[in-house]
C-alpha atoms as a PDB file:
ATOM      1  CA  MET A   1      39.751 107.490  59.921  1.00  0.00           C
ATOM      2  CA  ILE A   2      41.850 104.387  59.203  1.00  0.00           C
ATOM      3  CA  TYR A   3      41.946 101.780  61.980  1.00  0.00           C
ATOM      4  CA  PHE A   4      45.095  99.651  61.981  1.00  0.00           C
ATOM      5  CA  ALA A   5      45.018  96.359  63.873  1.00  0.00           C
ATOM      6  CA  HIS A   6      48.126  96.990  65.989  1.00  0.00           C
ATOM      7  CA  ARG A   7      50.122  93.731  66.026  1.00  0.00           C
ATOM      8  CA  GLY A   8      46.852  92.096  65.016  1.00  0.00           C
ATOM      9  CA  ALA A   9      43.933  91.902  67.432  1.00  0.00           C
ATOM     10  CA  SER A  10      46.415  92.153  70.272  1.00  0.00           C
ATOM     11  CA  ALA A  11      43.817  92.795  72.975  1.00  0.00           C
ATOM     12  CA  GLU A  12      42.335  89.360  72.237  1.00  0.00           C
ATOM     13  CA  ARG A  13      45.244  87.178  71.090  1.00  0.00           C
ATOM     14  CA  PRO A  14      49.031  87.135  71.633  1.00  0.00           C
ATOM     15  CA  GLN A  15      50.471  90.153  69.861  1.00  0.00           C
ATOM     16  CA  ASN A  16      52.010  89.633  66.422  1.00  0.00           C
ATOM     17  CA  SER A  17      50.901  85.992  66.352  1.00  0.00           C
ATOM     18  CA  VAL A  18      49.129  84.356  63.426  1.00  0.00           C
ATOM     19  CA  ALA A  19      46.162  83.952  65.778  1.00  0.00           C
ATOM     20  CA  ALA A  20      46.098  87.723  66.374  1.00  0.00           C
ATOM     21  CA  PHE A  21      45.994  88.482  62.668  1.00  0.00           C
ATOM     22  CA  LYS A  22      43.355  85.829  62.007  1.00  0.00           C
ATOM     23  CA  ARG A  23      41.231  87.303  64.778  1.00  0.00           C
ATOM     24  CA  ALA A  24      41.662  90.830  63.397  1.00  0.00           C
ATOM     25  CA  ARG A  25      40.605  89.655  59.955  1.00  0.00           C
ATOM     26  CA  ALA A  26      37.558  87.893  61.426  1.00  0.00           C
ATOM     27  CA  LEU A  27      36.602  91.149  63.142  1.00  0.00           C
ATOM     28  CA  GLY A  28      36.639  92.949  59.804  1.00  0.00           C
ATOM     29  CA  ALA A  29      40.103  94.521  59.758  1.00  0.00           C
ATOM     30  CA  THR A  30      41.505  95.616  56.414  1.00  0.00           C
ATOM     31  CA  ALA A  31      44.506  97.554  57.768  1.00  0.00           C
ATOM     32  CA  TYR A  32      47.177  95.943  59.917  1.00  0.00           C
ATOM     33  CA  GLU A  33      50.488  96.739  61.608  1.00  0.00           C
ATOM     34  CA  LEU A  34      53.306  94.320  62.392  1.00  0.00           C
ATOM     35  CA  ASP A  35      57.018  94.361  63.271  1.00  0.00           C
ATOM     36  CA  VAL A  36      59.834  92.442  61.577  1.00  0.00           C
ATOM     37  CA  HIS A  37      63.242  91.232  62.750  1.00  0.00           C
ATOM     38  CA  LEU A  38      65.975  89.317  60.921  1.00  0.00           C
ATOM     39  CA  LEU A  39      66.845  85.897  62.292  1.00  0.00           C
ATOM     40  CA  CYS A  40      70.413  84.672  62.125  1.00  0.00           C
ATOM     41  CA  ASP A  41      69.516  82.278  59.281  1.00  0.00           C
ATOM     42  CA  GLY A  42      68.194  85.138  57.139  1.00  0.00           C
ATOM     43  CA  GLN A  43      64.494  84.574  57.775  1.00  0.00           C
ATOM     44  CA  LEU A  44      62.161  87.425  58.739  1.00  0.00           C
ATOM     45  CA  ALA A  45      60.244  86.988  62.009  1.00  0.00           C
ATOM     46  CA  VAL A  46      57.216  88.955  63.208  1.00  0.00           C
ATOM     47  CA  HIS A  47      57.751  90.183  66.772  1.00  0.00           C
ATOM     48  CA  HIS A  48      57.942  93.522  68.551  1.00  0.00           C
ATOM     49  CA  ASP A  49      60.872  93.488  70.986  1.00  0.00           C
ATOM     50  CA  TYR A  50      64.438  92.420  70.292  1.00  0.00           C
ATOM     51  CA  SER A  51      64.192  90.259  73.418  1.00  0.00           C
ATOM     52  CA  LEU A  52      61.635  87.484  73.917  1.00  0.00           C
ATOM     53  CA  LEU A  53      61.269  88.161  77.651  1.00  0.00           C
ATOM     54  CA  ALA A  54      57.898  89.933  77.552  1.00  0.00           C
ATOM     55  CA  THR A  55      56.261  87.476  75.154  1.00  0.00           C
ATOM     56  CA  THR A  56      57.802  84.132  76.124  1.00  0.00           C
ATOM     57  CA  GLY A  57      59.259  84.703  79.596  1.00  0.00           C
ATOM     58  CA  ARG A  58      62.769  83.954  78.334  1.00  0.00           C
ATOM     59  CA  ASP A  59      65.310  86.738  77.884  1.00  0.00           C
ATOM     60  CA  THR A  60      66.702  85.590  74.554  1.00  0.00           C
ATOM     61  CA  LEU A  61      67.537  87.894  71.662  1.00  0.00           C
ATOM     62  CA  LEU A  62      65.393  87.043  68.670  1.00  0.00           C
ATOM     63  CA  GLY A  63      68.198  87.817  66.229  1.00  0.00           C
ATOM     64  CA  THR A  64      70.335  85.006  67.646  1.00  0.00           C
ATOM     65  CA  LEU A  65      67.759  82.352  66.689  1.00  0.00           C
ATOM     66  CA  THR A  66      66.947  80.430  63.526  1.00  0.00           C
ATOM     67  CA  GLN A  67      63.561  79.537  62.121  1.00  0.00           C
ATOM     68  CA  ALA A  68      63.904  76.053  63.610  1.00  0.00           C
ATOM     69  CA  ASP A  69      64.526  77.524  67.075  1.00  0.00           C
ATOM     70  CA  LEU A  70      61.212  79.401  67.212  1.00  0.00           C
ATOM     71  CA  ALA A  71      59.204  76.320  68.181  1.00  0.00           C
ATOM     72  CA  GLN A  72      61.166  76.202  71.434  1.00  0.00           C
ATOM     73  CA  TYR A  73      59.828  79.640  72.440  1.00  0.00           C
ATOM     74  CA  PRO A  74      56.025  79.431  72.662  1.00  0.00           C
ATOM     75  CA  LEU A  75      54.279  82.741  73.171  1.00  0.00           C
ATOM     76  CA  ILE A  76      52.521  83.358  76.471  1.00  0.00           C
ATOM     77  CA  ASN A  77      48.808  83.079  75.686  1.00  0.00           C
ATOM     78  CA  ALA A  78      46.541  84.604  78.318  1.00  0.00           C
ATOM     79  CA  PHE A  79      43.501  84.470  76.030  1.00  0.00           C
ATOM     80  CA  THR A  80      42.965  80.922  74.731  1.00  0.00           C
ATOM     81  CA  ALA A  81      44.400  77.416  75.048  1.00  0.00           C
ATOM     82  CA  GLU A  82      45.884  77.656  71.553  1.00  0.00           C
ATOM     83  CA  LYS A  83      49.655  77.213  71.334  1.00  0.00           C
ATOM     84  CA  CYS A  84      51.155  80.185  69.531  1.00  0.00           C
ATOM     85  CA  THR A  85      54.709  80.658  68.323  1.00  0.00           C
ATOM     86  CA  ILE A  86      56.564  83.575  66.768  1.00  0.00           C
ATOM     87  CA  PRO A  87      55.615  83.532  63.088  1.00  0.00           C
ATOM     88  CA  LEU A  88      57.687  84.266  60.044  1.00  0.00           C
ATOM     89  CA  LEU A  89      56.548  87.135  57.856  1.00  0.00           C
ATOM     90  CA  ARG A  90      55.645  84.664  55.139  1.00  0.00           C
ATOM     91  CA  ASP A  91      53.224  82.992  57.589  1.00  0.00           C
ATOM     92  CA  VAL A  92      51.353  86.239  58.198  1.00  0.00           C
ATOM     93  CA  LEU A  93      51.117  87.591  54.651  1.00  0.00           C
ATOM     94  CA  PRO A  94      48.474  85.080  53.461  1.00  0.00           C
ATOM     95  CA  VAL A  95      46.370  85.795  56.552  1.00  0.00           C
ATOM     96  CA  VAL A  96      46.070  89.533  55.874  1.00  0.00           C
ATOM     97  CA  ARG A  97      45.972  89.411  52.064  1.00  0.00           C
ATOM     98  CA  GLU A  98      42.175  89.103  51.731  1.00  0.00           C
ATOM     99  CA  ASN A  99      40.497  92.523  51.390  1.00  0.00           C
ATOM    100  CA  LEU A 100      43.764  94.216  52.392  1.00  0.00           C
ATOM    101  CA  ALA A 101      43.730  98.008  52.324  1.00  0.00           C
ATOM    102  CA  CYS A 102      47.082  98.637  54.032  1.00  0.00           C
ATOM    103  CA  LEU A 103      49.774  96.633  55.808  1.00  0.00           C
ATOM    104  CA  ASN A 104      52.204  98.703  57.858  1.00  0.00           C
ATOM    105  CA  ILE A 105      55.471  96.809  58.299  1.00  0.00           C
ATOM    106  CA  GLU A 106      57.639  98.350  60.995  1.00  0.00           C
ATOM    107  CA  ILE A 107      61.291  97.439  60.474  1.00  0.00           C
ATOM    108  CA  LYS A 108      63.117  96.888  63.759  1.00  0.00           C
ATOM    109  CA  ASN A 109      66.673  97.937  63.024  1.00  0.00           C
ATOM    110  CA  ASP A 110      67.922 100.498  65.543  1.00  0.00           C
ATOM    111  CA  GLY A 111      71.503 101.458  64.744  1.00  0.00           C
ATOM    112  CA  ASN A 112      71.537  99.010  61.810  1.00  0.00           C
ATOM    113  CA  TYR A 113      71.227  96.096  64.234  1.00  0.00           C
ATOM    114  CA  TYR A 114      70.339  93.821  61.317  1.00  0.00           C
ATOM    115  CA  PRO A 115      72.619  94.805  58.419  1.00  0.00           C
ATOM    116  CA  GLY A 116      70.941  94.112  55.117  1.00  0.00           C
ATOM    117  CA  ILE A 117      67.412  93.641  56.477  1.00  0.00           C
ATOM    118  CA  GLU A 118      66.021  96.137  53.963  1.00  0.00           C
ATOM    119  CA  LYS A 119      67.038  94.036  50.931  1.00  0.00           C
ATOM    120  CA  VAL A 120      65.997  90.792  52.592  1.00  0.00           C
ATOM    121  CA  LEU A 121      62.565  92.282  53.261  1.00  0.00           C
ATOM    122  CA  LEU A 122      62.071  93.593  49.747  1.00  0.00           C
ATOM    123  CA  ASP A 123      63.263  90.321  48.213  1.00  0.00           C
ATOM    124  CA  GLU A 124      60.876  88.364  50.437  1.00  0.00           C
ATOM    125  CA  LEU A 125      57.919  90.518  49.472  1.00  0.00           C
ATOM    126  CA  HIS A 126      58.715  90.364  45.771  1.00  0.00           C
ATOM    127  CA  ALA A 127      58.928  86.581  46.038  1.00  0.00           C
ATOM    128  CA  GLN A 128      55.986  85.914  48.366  1.00  0.00           C
ATOM    129  CA  ALA A 129      53.525  88.735  47.805  1.00  0.00           C
ATOM    130  CA  PRO A 130      54.243  91.021  44.851  1.00  0.00           C
ATOM    131  CA  ASP A 131      50.526  91.764  44.601  1.00  0.00           C
ATOM    132  CA  MET A 132      50.572  93.195  48.118  1.00  0.00           C
ATOM    133  CA  LEU A 133      53.507  95.586  47.639  1.00  0.00           C
ATOM    134  CA  PRO A 134      51.371  98.555  46.497  1.00  0.00           C
ATOM    135  CA  LYS A 135      49.400  98.216  49.755  1.00  0.00           C
ATOM    136  CA  ILE A 136      52.412  97.969  52.067  1.00  0.00           C
ATOM    137  CA  LEU A 137      53.608 100.931  54.112  1.00  0.00           C
ATOM    138  CA  PHE A 138      57.126 100.594  55.536  1.00  0.00           C
ATOM    139  CA  SER A 139      58.035 102.398  58.753  1.00  0.00           C
ATOM    140  CA  SER A 140      60.899 102.485  61.230  1.00  0.00           C
ATOM    141  CA  PHE A 141      62.246 104.618  64.041  1.00  0.00           C
ATOM    142  CA  ASP A 142      65.656 104.246  62.389  1.00  0.00           C
ATOM    143  CA  TYR A 143      65.943 106.952  59.721  1.00  0.00           C
ATOM    144  CA  PRO A 144      68.944 105.389  57.887  1.00  0.00           C
ATOM    145  CA  THR A 145      66.973 102.158  57.531  1.00  0.00           C
ATOM    146  CA  LEU A 146      64.237 104.008  55.659  1.00  0.00           C
ATOM    147  CA  ALA A 147      66.812 105.892  53.594  1.00  0.00           C
ATOM    148  CA  ARG A 148      68.429 102.604  52.538  1.00  0.00           C
ATOM    149  CA  LEU A 149      65.026 101.175  51.709  1.00  0.00           C
ATOM    150  CA  ARG A 150      64.275 104.184  49.520  1.00  0.00           C
ATOM    151  CA  GLU A 151      67.613 103.745  47.706  1.00  0.00           C
ATOM    152  CA  LEU A 152      66.771 100.104  46.990  1.00  0.00           C
ATOM    153  CA  ASP A 153      63.306 100.846  45.643  1.00  0.00           C
ATOM    154  CA  ARG A 154      62.098 104.307  44.675  1.00  0.00           C
ATOM    155  CA  SER A 155      58.486 103.137  44.511  1.00  0.00           C
ATOM    156  CA  VAL A 156      57.998 101.867  48.073  1.00  0.00           C
ATOM    157  CA  ARG A 157      55.568 103.658  50.386  1.00  0.00           C
ATOM    158  CA  ILE A 158      57.246 104.953  53.532  1.00  0.00           C
ATOM    159  CA  GLY A 159      55.822 106.140  56.834  1.00  0.00           C
ATOM    160  CA  ARG A 160      58.195 108.155  59.016  1.00  0.00           C
ATOM    161  CA  LEU A 161      57.890 106.756  62.530  1.00  0.00           C
ATOM    162  CA  CYS A 162      59.311 109.320  64.917  1.00  0.00           C
ATOM    163  CA  ARG A 163      59.412 110.600  68.460  1.00  0.00           C
ATOM    164  CA  ALA A 164      60.540 114.134  67.552  1.00  0.00           C
ATOM    165  CA  PHE A 165      58.745 115.679  64.586  1.00  0.00           C
ATOM    166  CA  ASP A 166      60.780 116.928  61.628  1.00  0.00           C
ATOM    167  CA  VAL A 167      58.774 117.410  58.470  1.00  0.00           C
ATOM    168  CA  GLN A 168      61.930 117.808  56.401  1.00  0.00           C
ATOM    169  CA  GLU A 169      63.039 114.282  57.311  1.00  0.00           C
ATOM    170  CA  ALA A 170      59.746 112.883  56.111  1.00  0.00           C
ATOM    171  CA  LEU A 171      59.901 114.879  52.895  1.00  0.00           C
ATOM    172  CA  ALA A 172      63.502 113.852  52.237  1.00  0.00           C
ATOM    173  CA  LEU A 173      62.386 110.211  52.377  1.00  0.00           C
ATOM    174  CA  GLY A 174      59.497 110.841  50.036  1.00  0.00           C
ATOM    175  CA  ALA A 175      57.266 109.595  52.848  1.00  0.00           C
ATOM    176  CA  ARG A 176      53.509 109.177  52.563  1.00  0.00           C
ATOM    177  CA  SER A 177      52.811 109.540  56.274  1.00  0.00           C
ATOM    178  CA  VAL A 178      54.130 110.455  59.716  1.00  0.00           C
ATOM    179  CA  HIS A 179      53.518 108.093  62.657  1.00  0.00           C
ATOM    180  CA  MET A 180      53.736 109.390  66.219  1.00  0.00           C
ATOM    181  CA  ASN A 181      52.702 108.575  69.759  1.00  0.00           C
ATOM    182  CA  GLN A 182      49.271 110.098  70.337  1.00  0.00           C
ATOM    183  CA  SER A 183      50.581 112.046  73.335  1.00  0.00           C
ATOM    184  CA  ARG A 184      53.076 113.927  71.141  1.00  0.00           C
ATOM    185  CA  LEU A 185      50.707 114.951  68.380  1.00  0.00           C
ATOM    186  CA  THR A 186      49.651 118.601  68.282  1.00  0.00           C
ATOM    187  CA  PRO A 187      47.458 120.588  65.896  1.00  0.00           C
ATOM    188  CA  GLU A 188      50.623 122.284  64.622  1.00  0.00           C
ATOM    189  CA  ILE A 189      52.252 118.963  63.724  1.00  0.00           C
ATOM    190  CA  ILE A 190      49.145 117.642  62.012  1.00  0.00           C
ATOM    191  CA  ASN A 191      48.643 120.875  60.074  1.00  0.00           C
ATOM    192  CA  ALA A 192      52.279 120.904  58.968  1.00  0.00           C
ATOM    193  CA  CYS A 193      51.984 117.331  57.740  1.00  0.00           C
ATOM    194  CA  HIS A 194      48.787 117.985  55.842  1.00  0.00           C
ATOM    195  CA  ALA A 195      50.256 121.123  54.297  1.00  0.00           C
ATOM    196  CA  HIS A 196      52.930 118.884  52.733  1.00  0.00           C
ATOM    197  CA  GLY A 197      50.555 116.114  51.691  1.00  0.00           C
ATOM    198  CA  LEU A 198      51.494 113.770  54.537  1.00  0.00           C
ATOM    199  CA  GLN A 199      48.966 111.649  56.392  1.00  0.00           C
ATOM    200  CA  VAL A 200      49.214 111.392  60.187  1.00  0.00           C
ATOM    201  CA  PHE A 201      48.770 108.122  62.077  1.00  0.00           C
ATOM    202  CA  ALA A 202      48.748 107.934  65.885  1.00  0.00           C
ATOM    203  CA  TYR A 203      49.643 105.058  68.215  1.00  0.00           C
ATOM    204  CA  THR A 204      48.540 103.322  70.410  1.00  0.00           C
ATOM    205  CA  VAL A 205      44.905 104.378  70.743  1.00  0.00           C
ATOM    206  CA  ASN A 206      42.563 102.160  72.742  1.00  0.00           C
ATOM    207  CA  THR A 207      39.751 104.446  73.950  1.00  0.00           C
ATOM    208  CA  GLN A 208      36.915 106.134  72.111  1.00  0.00           C
ATOM    209  CA  GLU A 209      37.781 109.417  73.853  1.00  0.00           C
ATOM    210  CA  ASP A 210      41.333 109.436  72.530  1.00  0.00           C
ATOM    211  CA  ALA A 211      40.195 108.452  69.062  1.00  0.00           C
ATOM    212  CA  ALA A 212      37.604 111.252  69.015  1.00  0.00           C
ATOM    213  CA  ARG A 213      40.178 113.786  70.204  1.00  0.00           C
ATOM    214  CA  LEU A 214      42.634 112.735  67.492  1.00  0.00           C
ATOM    215  CA  SER A 215      39.938 112.793  64.849  1.00  0.00           C
ATOM    216  CA  ALA A 216      39.039 116.340  65.883  1.00  0.00           C
ATOM    217  CA  LEU A 217      42.703 117.300  65.557  1.00  0.00           C
ATOM    218  CA  GLY A 218      42.695 115.927  62.024  1.00  0.00           C
ATOM    219  CA  ALA A 219      44.602 112.659  62.435  1.00  0.00           C
ATOM    220  CA  ASP A 220      44.069 110.318  59.490  1.00  0.00           C
ATOM    221  CA  GLY A 221      44.281 107.021  61.347  1.00  0.00           C
ATOM    222  CA  ILE A 222      45.111 105.206  64.554  1.00  0.00           C
ATOM    223  CA  PHE A 223      46.900 102.031  65.565  1.00  0.00           C
ATOM    224  CA  THR A 224      44.789 100.164  68.087  1.00  0.00           C
ATOM    225  CA  ASP A 225      45.006  96.937  70.071  1.00  0.00           C
ATOM    226  CA  LYS A 226      41.204  96.913  70.225  1.00  0.00           C
ATOM    227  CA  ILE A 227      40.407  96.673  66.550  1.00  0.00           C
ATOM    228  CA  GLY A 228      37.111  94.887  67.183  1.00  0.00           C
ATOM    229  CA  PHE A 229      35.812  97.718  69.342  1.00  0.00           C
ATOM    230  CA  PHE A 230      36.596 100.443  66.825  1.00  0.00           C
ATOM    231  CA  LEU A 231      35.282  98.552  63.813  1.00  0.00           C
ATOM    232  CA  SER A 232      32.038  97.824  65.636  1.00  0.00           C
ATOM    233  CA  THR A 233      31.482 101.449  66.706  1.00  0.00           C
ATOM    234  CA  ARG A 234      32.594 103.426  63.677  1.00  0.00           C
END
């Protein structure tokens, strides 16, 4: 079973912050998940929602900001006194590089909200972390985003993130894995994936009971906010 630190150690530090990824690494994580958006100045930011309301208390769209603006939107930190801000992707990559087994980068791009984000992302990774590319798994709920990514680079590893399972979509992308909400996974879905050589990763799993149930079903990995708990009990 692969344990992905979902947005870093997000049960102990602000999600998707540098502090969350540092904490996950300190806890022994070697697999991580993060989300990327495209700022209006062409920089890639690590954050989950399009809006900053849940993480900063201010209902501002991340894509309308520049790198310089991010300092004005400190993340709410209910864990420590440390001031955390929304990081750029290039800030996080060095944190997770050591002993990295897999980095799942979820591309936020519903309806092509950020035209061209696929090329910007690939260019950034080639420039900042070419050594990490073989260990990066790209996912998105937006199928055309993954299709464009595949057209740009035939060698990238893709995980089909979906709400409704369609094995043919995953196969058409040349995907390595299928990622689904744990509540939607069934033995039939997992068996169909494995029959076609696809791994199955479930989100978001924060209890030992759910992890054991998914393991019994044959899931290959989970995304968890509580990475420290699972790494200490495996």
